[in-house]
């Protein structure tokens, strides 16, 4: 099923229910209406290598934690009274594998981290702001080629979920844990293969009815996908997914978050998706953000492109200064303030809100 991109004429129509701080670090090259703020809220020193910021996770007090794969570390910032954050500080360093996805569990006060072949748990038992306990929960997933583990998430069933990419776009993997969405008990035991048919999946989220939406890059030459595991099938093993929306080839969808907060009045009951962008295609694709509107039954109804806010194709070279190009967004998270946060590979975190 192909859904065409429709451009919203009034991107981010917003609620004025609460007062917001002045927009201090507005990103100027992406157009938004004056009442909307796309701003930099975290900036860390850029490290050559893999990527500087990948996964995001909030704690209930509004602190924001993020993985830094090139540093083998997880860092954090704390909320300030002015609506912004403290300077970034390391939370966990010298980790056993480069961290990628991140999830926080308030019930156990634990951070769960996905890497290449591992899932491990971090705890700050003395509450001094740095992790002092590391437990490897899963250590033998296939690695060394293809994509790392994608985002790690905690389902309502109190299980860990993570996606593992194929060895390569055209490979036929014999290990069934590749090209799949995996699920584990919270202690790393009892692995289940929830969904197959994925090539380079990274992020996913659930809708309130229990359906699970997941993005998949597929390859540089085939359309990227938004797939769904229906609500009544999320507990079944080896359910092969099929796309409900397709995107530009090589656009590399990465971050995905379900949103239903009154702060963005025009963007209720839907999925924000960001795209890291193509790597070696002749035409530039991705480097954008869309909102997938769902109907009352949480089925795809429409797709609105928010960045770039233009009717031109995203492959048009003139969009380089109006999209997120050349920067690569990776993860999305909804803050305790209800606003949307986006990790940029080049060492920044952006926030979307009204002013």
Foldseek 3Di string as FASTA:
>chain_A
DAFDADADPQPQPFDPPDDAFDQDAADPLADHPPQKGKGFQAFDDFDPDDFQWAAWEADLQQKIWTFGQVQLFIWIWHADPNGGTDHIDTAEGPHPARWHAWYADPVVRWIWTFGAQWIKIFHDVVPPRHTDDIGTQTHGRDGDADDGKAHWDQDPVQKIKIAAADRDLPDDDPPQNHQFIWIAHPSNPDIATQEHPAHAKHDWDAAPLQKIWTWGLNAQQDWTAIWIDDRVRRPPGHHYIDGPYTHHHQQAKAAKDAAADNRRVVQHGWMKIAGQWHDDDPFTHGLFIKTFHADPVSHTDHIYTVFNSDPDHRSDPVSCSHGNPPWGWHYWDQTSVRWIWIDIRRGTIIIMGGD
